[in-house]
Amino acid sequence: MIIILVATNTIVTVLGQVRLTRHVTTLASTARATMVSAVLLAAACLTFALSGQATAVAGQSPP
Protein backbone atom coordinates (compact mmCIF):
# COMPACT_ATOMS: atom_id res chain seq x y z
CA MET A 1 0.00 0.00 0.00
CA ILE A 2 2.77 2.45 0.88
CA ILE A 3 4.48 1.93 -2.49
CA ILE A 4 1.28 2.98 -4.26
CA LEU A 5 1.11 6.17 -2.19
CA VAL A 6 4.77 7.01 -2.82
CA ALA A 7 4.48 6.36 -6.56
CA THR A 8 1.28 8.40 -6.82
CA ASN A 9 2.83 11.28 -4.86
CA THR A 10 5.90 11.26 -7.12
CA ILE A 11 3.88 11.26 -10.33
CA VAL A 12 1.50 14.00 -9.18
CA THR A 13 4.39 16.14 -7.97
CA VAL A 14 6.34 15.88 -11.22
CA LEU A 15 3.31 16.49 -13.42
CA GLY A 16 2.14 19.35 -11.22
CA GLN A 17 5.52 21.09 -11.38
CA VAL A 18 5.65 20.83 -15.15
CA ARG A 19 2.11 22.17 -15.51
CA LEU A 20 2.52 25.03 -13.02
CA THR A 21 5.87 26.22 -14.38
CA ARG A 22 4.81 26.20 -18.03
CA HIS A 23 4.02 29.94 -17.90
CA VAL A 24 7.19 30.97 -16.05
CA THR A 25 9.37 32.12 -18.93
CA THR A 26 10.84 35.50 -17.98
CA LEU A 27 12.66 36.90 -14.99
CA ALA A 28 9.59 38.92 -14.01
CA SER A 29 7.30 35.88 -14.09
CA THR A 30 9.89 33.95 -12.08
CA ALA A 31 9.91 36.64 -9.40
CA ARG A 32 6.10 36.69 -9.34
CA ALA A 33 5.88 32.90 -9.04
CA THR A 34 8.46 32.92 -6.24
CA MET A 35 6.51 35.58 -4.34
CA VAL A 36 3.24 33.66 -4.70
CA SER A 37 4.88 30.45 -3.48
CA ALA A 38 6.42 32.28 -0.51
CA VAL A 39 3.03 33.71 0.49
CA LEU A 40 1.37 30.28 0.18
CA LEU A 41 4.14 28.65 2.24
CA ALA A 42 3.79 31.32 4.95
CA ALA A 43 0.01 30.79 5.01
CA ALA A 44 0.50 27.03 5.35
CA CYS A 45 2.97 27.51 8.23
CA LEU A 46 0.57 29.86 9.98
CA THR A 47 -2.27 27.38 9.52
CA PHE A 48 -0.20 24.57 11.03
CA ALA A 49 0.83 26.76 13.96
CA LEU A 50 -2.75 27.85 14.64
CA SER A 51 -4.05 24.29 14.44
CA GLY A 52 -1.96 23.43 17.49
CA GLN A 53 -3.39 26.42 19.34
CA ALA A 54 -6.94 25.42 18.42
CA THR A 55 -6.37 21.99 19.95
CA ALA A 56 -5.12 23.56 23.18
CA VAL A 57 -8.10 25.90 23.31
CA ALA A 58 -10.51 23.00 22.84
CA GLY A 59 -9.32 21.51 26.12
CA GLN A 60 -6.99 18.85 24.79
CA SER A 61 -3.30 18.93 25.40
CA PRO A 62 -1.15 18.93 22.24
CA PRO A 63 0.97 15.82 21.71
PDB file of N, CA and C in Angstrom:
ATOM      1  N   MET A   1       0.818  -1.195   0.000  1.00  0.00           N
ATOM      2  CA  MET A   1       0.000   0.000   0.000  1.00  0.00           C
ATOM      3  C   MET A   1       0.863   1.260   0.000  1.00  0.00           C
ATOM      4  N   ILE A   2       1.933   1.249   0.771  1.00  0.00           N
ATOM      5  CA  ILE A   2       2.770   2.445   0.878  1.00  0.00           C
ATOM      6  C   ILE A   2       3.464   2.748  -0.450  1.00  0.00           C
ATOM      7  N   ILE A   3       3.818   1.711  -1.201  1.00  0.00           N
ATOM      8  CA  ILE A   3       4.478   1.931  -2.493  1.00  0.00           C
ATOM      9  C   ILE A   3       3.534   2.621  -3.474  1.00  0.00           C
ATOM     10  N   ILE A   4       2.251   2.328  -3.385  1.00  0.00           N
ATOM     11  CA  ILE A   4       1.277   2.984  -4.257  1.00  0.00           C
ATOM     12  C   ILE A   4       1.178   4.467  -3.910  1.00  0.00           C
ATOM     13  N   LEU A   5       1.164   4.783  -2.618  1.00  0.00           N
ATOM     14  CA  LEU A   5       1.107   6.174  -2.191  1.00  0.00           C
ATOM     15  C   LEU A   5       2.358   6.954  -2.606  1.00  0.00           C
ATOM     16  N   VAL A   6       3.518   6.347  -2.443  1.00  0.00           N
ATOM     17  CA  VAL A   6       4.774   7.011  -2.820  1.00  0.00           C
ATOM     18  C   VAL A   6       4.827   7.235  -4.332  1.00  0.00           C
ATOM     19  N   ALA A   7       4.447   6.223  -5.095  1.00  0.00           N
ATOM     20  CA  ALA A   7       4.476   6.358  -6.555  1.00  0.00           C
ATOM     21  C   ALA A   7       3.480   7.415  -7.026  1.00  0.00           C
ATOM     22  N   THR A   8       2.280   7.405  -6.453  1.00  0.00           N
ATOM     23  CA  THR A   8       1.278   8.401  -6.823  1.00  0.00           C
ATOM     24  C   THR A   8       1.751   9.810  -6.461  1.00  0.00           C
ATOM     25  N   ASN A   9       2.319   9.972  -5.283  1.00  0.00           N
ATOM     26  CA  ASN A   9       2.835  11.276  -4.860  1.00  0.00           C
ATOM     27  C   ASN A   9       3.925  11.761  -5.809  1.00  0.00           C
ATOM     28  N   THR A  10       4.817  10.885  -6.212  1.00  0.00           N
ATOM     29  CA  THR A  10       5.897  11.264  -7.118  1.00  0.00           C
ATOM     30  C   THR A  10       5.356  11.700  -8.479  1.00  0.00           C
ATOM     31  N   ILE A  11       4.436  10.940  -9.007  1.00  0.00           N
ATOM     32  CA  ILE A  11       3.879  11.261 -10.326  1.00  0.00           C
ATOM     33  C   ILE A  11       3.115  12.580 -10.291  1.00  0.00           C
ATOM     34  N   VAL A  12       2.280  12.763  -9.286  1.00  0.00           N
ATOM     35  CA  VAL A  12       1.495  13.997  -9.179  1.00  0.00           C
ATOM     36  C   VAL A  12       2.407  15.203  -8.980  1.00  0.00           C
ATOM     37  N   THR A  13       3.453  15.045  -8.200  1.00  0.00           N
ATOM     38  CA  THR A  13       4.390  16.144  -7.967  1.00  0.00           C
ATOM     39  C   THR A  13       5.106  16.540  -9.244  1.00  0.00           C
ATOM     40  N   VAL A  14       5.617  15.578  -9.979  1.00  0.00           N
ATOM     41  CA  VAL A  14       6.335  15.877 -11.223  1.00  0.00           C
ATOM     42  C   VAL A  14       5.410  16.513 -12.247  1.00  0.00           C
ATOM     43  N   LEU A  15       4.237  15.932 -12.447  1.00  0.00           N
ATOM     44  CA  LEU A  15       3.306  16.488 -13.425  1.00  0.00           C
ATOM     45  C   LEU A  15       2.798  17.859 -13.002  1.00  0.00           C
ATOM     46  N   GLY A  16       2.591  18.052 -11.723  1.00  0.00           N
ATOM     47  CA  GLY A  16       2.143  19.349 -11.223  1.00  0.00           C
ATOM     48  C   GLY A  16       3.188  20.432 -11.425  1.00  0.00           C
ATOM     49  N   GLN A  17       4.453  20.111 -11.191  1.00  0.00           N
ATOM     50  CA  GLN A  17       5.518  21.094 -11.382  1.00  0.00           C
ATOM     51  C   GLN A  17       5.633  21.496 -12.842  1.00  0.00           C
ATOM     52  N   VAL A  18       5.545  20.532 -13.719  1.00  0.00           N
ATOM     53  CA  VAL A  18       5.646  20.834 -15.150  1.00  0.00           C
ATOM     54  C   VAL A  18       4.486  21.728 -15.573  1.00  0.00           C
ATOM     55  N   ARG A  19       3.291  21.397 -15.123  1.00  0.00           N
ATOM     56  CA  ARG A  19       2.106  22.170 -15.511  1.00  0.00           C
ATOM     57  C   ARG A  19       2.142  23.586 -14.925  1.00  0.00           C
ATOM     58  N   LEU A  20       2.539  23.716 -13.660  1.00  0.00           N
ATOM     59  CA  LEU A  20       2.523  25.026 -13.015  1.00  0.00           C
ATOM     60  C   LEU A  20       3.652  25.945 -13.484  1.00  0.00           C
ATOM     61  N   THR A  21       4.747  25.379 -13.948  1.00  0.00           N
ATOM     62  CA  THR A  21       5.870  26.219 -14.379  1.00  0.00           C
ATOM     63  C   THR A  21       5.889  26.467 -15.885  1.00  0.00           C
ATOM     64  N   ARG A  22       4.878  26.013 -16.573  1.00  0.00           N
ATOM     65  CA  ARG A  22       4.814  26.197 -18.025  1.00  0.00           C
ATOM     66  C   ARG A  22       4.800  27.679 -18.404  1.00  0.00           C
ATOM     67  N   HIS A  23       4.171  28.517 -17.580  1.00  0.00           N
ATOM     68  CA  HIS A  23       4.023  29.937 -17.903  1.00  0.00           C
ATOM     69  C   HIS A  23       5.134  30.802 -17.311  1.00  0.00           C
ATOM     70  N   VAL A  24       6.067  30.214 -16.621  1.00  0.00           N
ATOM     71  CA  VAL A  24       7.192  30.967 -16.048  1.00  0.00           C
ATOM     72  C   VAL A  24       8.314  30.964 -17.082  1.00  0.00           C
ATOM     73  N   THR A  25       8.403  32.071 -17.835  1.00  0.00           N
ATOM     74  CA  THR A  25       9.366  32.115 -18.931  1.00  0.00           C
ATOM     75  C   THR A  25      10.324  33.295 -18.846  1.00  0.00           C
ATOM     76  N   THR A  26       9.981  34.320 -18.081  1.00  0.00           N
ATOM     77  CA  THR A  26      10.839  35.495 -17.979  1.00  0.00           C
ATOM     78  C   THR A  26      11.274  35.682 -16.531  1.00  0.00           C
ATOM     79  N   LEU A  27      12.198  36.594 -16.342  1.00  0.00           N
ATOM     80  CA  LEU A  27      12.664  36.896 -14.993  1.00  0.00           C
ATOM     81  C   LEU A  27      11.538  37.484 -14.143  1.00  0.00           C
ATOM     82  N   ALA A  28      10.702  38.319 -14.747  1.00  0.00           N
ATOM     83  CA  ALA A  28       9.585  38.921 -14.010  1.00  0.00           C
ATOM     84  C   ALA A  28       8.574  37.861 -13.587  1.00  0.00           C
ATOM     85  N   SER A  29       8.256  36.921 -14.459  1.00  0.00           N
ATOM     86  CA  SER A  29       7.299  35.876 -14.091  1.00  0.00           C
ATOM     87  C   SER A  29       7.903  34.928 -13.052  1.00  0.00           C
ATOM     88  N   THR A  30       9.212  34.756 -13.096  1.00  0.00           N
ATOM     89  CA  THR A  30       9.890  33.948 -12.081  1.00  0.00           C
ATOM     90  C   THR A  30       9.785  34.605 -10.715  1.00  0.00           C
ATOM     91  N   ALA A  31      10.020  35.907 -10.659  1.00  0.00           N
ATOM     92  CA  ALA A  31       9.910  36.640  -9.397  1.00  0.00           C
ATOM     93  C   ALA A  31       8.486  36.585  -8.863  1.00  0.00           C
ATOM     94  N   ARG A  32       7.510  36.737  -9.740  1.00  0.00           N
ATOM     95  CA  ARG A  32       6.101  36.691  -9.336  1.00  0.00           C
ATOM     96  C   ARG A  32       5.741  35.301  -8.803  1.00  0.00           C
ATOM     97  N   ALA A  33       6.164  34.263  -9.487  1.00  0.00           N
ATOM     98  CA  ALA A  33       5.880  32.897  -9.044  1.00  0.00           C
ATOM     99  C   ALA A  33       6.549  32.602  -7.703  1.00  0.00           C
ATOM    100  N   THR A  34       7.755  33.111  -7.513  1.00  0.00           N
ATOM    101  CA  THR A  34       8.457  32.918  -6.245  1.00  0.00           C
ATOM    102  C   THR A  34       7.727  33.629  -5.113  1.00  0.00           C
ATOM    103  N   MET A  35       7.243  34.838  -5.360  1.00  0.00           N
ATOM    104  CA  MET A  35       6.514  35.584  -4.345  1.00  0.00           C
ATOM    105  C   MET A  35       5.207  34.877  -3.979  1.00  0.00           C
ATOM    106  N   VAL A  36       4.494  34.380  -4.970  1.00  0.00           N
ATOM    107  CA  VAL A  36       3.242  33.657  -4.704  1.00  0.00           C
ATOM    108  C   VAL A  36       3.522  32.407  -3.881  1.00  0.00           C
ATOM    109  N   SER A  37       4.564  31.673  -4.232  1.00  0.00           N
ATOM    110  CA  SER A  37       4.876  30.455  -3.482  1.00  0.00           C
ATOM    111  C   SER A  37       5.308  30.776  -2.055  1.00  0.00           C
ATOM    112  N   ALA A  38       6.019  31.886  -1.858  1.00  0.00           N
ATOM    113  CA  ALA A  38       6.424  32.283  -0.508  1.00  0.00           C
ATOM    114  C   ALA A  38       5.203  32.641   0.344  1.00  0.00           C
ATOM    115  N   VAL A  39       4.251  33.349  -0.236  1.00  0.00           N
ATOM    116  CA  VAL A  39       3.028  33.710   0.494  1.00  0.00           C
ATOM    117  C   VAL A  39       2.229  32.448   0.847  1.00  0.00           C
ATOM    118  N   LEU A  40       2.104  31.525  -0.095  1.00  0.00           N
ATOM    119  CA  LEU A  40       1.372  30.285   0.176  1.00  0.00           C
ATOM    120  C   LEU A  40       2.069  29.444   1.251  1.00  0.00           C
ATOM    121  N   LEU A  41       3.395  29.395   1.228  1.00  0.00           N
ATOM    122  CA  LEU A  41       4.135  28.654   2.241  1.00  0.00           C
ATOM    123  C   LEU A  41       3.954  29.291   3.613  1.00  0.00           C
ATOM    124  N   ALA A  42       4.002  30.628   3.680  1.00  0.00           N
ATOM    125  CA  ALA A  42       3.790  31.322   4.953  1.00  0.00           C
ATOM    126  C   ALA A  42       2.378  31.064   5.480  1.00  0.00           C
ATOM    127  N   ALA A  43       1.391  31.069   4.598  1.00  0.00           N
ATOM    128  CA  ALA A  43       0.010  30.786   5.013  1.00  0.00           C
ATOM    129  C   ALA A  43      -0.117  29.360   5.543  1.00  0.00           C
ATOM    130  N   ALA A  44       0.544  28.415   4.890  1.00  0.00           N
ATOM    131  CA  ALA A  44       0.501  27.025   5.354  1.00  0.00           C
ATOM    132  C   ALA A  44       1.163  26.892   6.728  1.00  0.00           C
ATOM    133  N   CYS A  45       2.289  27.555   6.918  1.00  0.00           N
ATOM    134  CA  CYS A  45       2.970  27.507   8.225  1.00  0.00           C
ATOM    135  C   CYS A  45       2.097  28.113   9.313  1.00  0.00           C
ATOM    136  N   LEU A  46       1.461  29.222   9.019  1.00  0.00           N
ATOM    137  CA  LEU A  46       0.571  29.863   9.978  1.00  0.00           C
ATOM    138  C   LEU A  46      -0.615  28.958  10.304  1.00  0.00           C
ATOM    139  N   THR A  47      -1.149  28.303   9.297  1.00  0.00           N
ATOM    140  CA  THR A  47      -2.265  27.382   9.518  1.00  0.00           C
ATOM    141  C   THR A  47      -1.852  26.226  10.417  1.00  0.00           C
ATOM    142  N   PHE A  48      -0.681  25.658  10.180  1.00  0.00           N
ATOM    143  CA  PHE A  48      -0.195  24.572  11.027  1.00  0.00           C
ATOM    144  C   PHE A  48       0.023  25.048  12.457  1.00  0.00           C
ATOM    145  N   ALA A  49       0.584  26.236  12.619  1.00  0.00           N
ATOM    146  CA  ALA A  49       0.826  26.764  13.961  1.00  0.00           C
ATOM    147  C   ALA A  49      -0.488  27.011  14.698  1.00  0.00           C
ATOM    148  N   LEU A  50      -1.465  27.568  14.005  1.00  0.00           N
ATOM    149  CA  LEU A  50      -2.749  27.846  14.641  1.00  0.00           C
ATOM    150  C   LEU A  50      -3.545  26.580  14.928  1.00  0.00           C
ATOM    151  N   SER A  51      -3.318  25.527  14.177  1.00  0.00           N
ATOM    152  CA  SER A  51      -4.049  24.285  14.436  1.00  0.00           C
ATOM    153  C   SER A  51      -3.631  23.688  15.779  1.00  0.00           C
ATOM    154  N   GLY A  52      -2.408  23.875  16.172  1.00  0.00           N
ATOM    155  CA  GLY A  52      -1.962  23.431  17.495  1.00  0.00           C
ATOM    156  C   GLY A  52      -2.589  24.258  18.594  1.00  0.00           C
ATOM    157  N   GLN A  53      -2.748  25.554  18.359  1.00  0.00           N
ATOM    158  CA  GLN A  53      -3.387  26.422  19.336  1.00  0.00           C
ATOM    159  C   GLN A  53      -4.865  26.088  19.474  1.00  0.00           C
ATOM    160  N   ALA A  54      -5.513  25.755  18.379  1.00  0.00           N
ATOM    161  CA  ALA A  54      -6.937  25.418  18.419  1.00  0.00           C
ATOM    162  C   ALA A  54      -7.164  24.159  19.243  1.00  0.00           C
ATOM    163  N   THR A  55      -6.251  23.218  19.162  1.00  0.00           N
ATOM    164  CA  THR A  55      -6.368  21.992  19.949  1.00  0.00           C
ATOM    165  C   THR A  55      -6.243  22.301  21.444  1.00  0.00           C
ATOM    166  N   ALA A  56      -5.301  23.193  21.785  1.00  0.00           N
ATOM    167  CA  ALA A  56      -5.116  23.562  23.181  1.00  0.00           C
ATOM    168  C   ALA A  56      -6.324  24.325  23.720  1.00  0.00           C
ATOM    169  N   VAL A  57      -6.927  25.142  22.901  1.00  0.00           N
ATOM    170  CA  VAL A  57      -8.103  25.897  23.315  1.00  0.00           C
ATOM    171  C   VAL A  57      -9.294  24.984  23.520  1.00  0.00           C
ATOM    172  N   ALA A  58      -9.379  23.923  22.743  1.00  0.00           N
ATOM    173  CA  ALA A  58     -10.508  22.997  22.838  1.00  0.00           C
ATOM    174  C   ALA A  58     -10.449  22.125  24.087  1.00  0.00           C
ATOM    175  N   GLY A  59      -9.401  22.252  24.866  1.00  0.00           N
ATOM    176  CA  GLY A  59      -9.320  21.505  26.115  1.00  0.00           C
ATOM    177  C   GLY A  59      -8.476  20.262  26.045  1.00  0.00           C
ATOM    178  N   GLN A  60      -7.852  20.001  24.925  1.00  0.00           N
ATOM    179  CA  GLN A  60      -6.986  18.854  24.786  1.00  0.00           C
ATOM    180  C   GLN A  60      -5.553  19.329  24.806  1.00  0.00           C
ATOM    181  N   SER A  61      -4.698  18.546  25.387  1.00  0.00           N
ATOM    182  CA  SER A  61      -3.300  18.931  25.396  1.00  0.00           C
ATOM    183  C   SER A  61      -2.647  18.473  24.096  1.00  0.00           C
ATOM    184  N   PRO A  62      -1.820  19.329  23.493  1.00  0.00           N
ATOM    185  CA  PRO A  62      -1.147  18.931  22.243  1.00  0.00           C
ATOM    186  C   PRO A  62      -0.161  17.804  22.522  1.00  0.00           C
ATOM    187  N   PRO A  63       0.058  16.963  21.518  1.00  0.00           N
ATOM    188  CA  PRO A  63       0.973  15.815  21.712  1.00  0.00           C
ATOM    189  C   PRO A  63       2.401  16.233  21.901  1.00  0.00           C
TER     190      PRO A  63
END
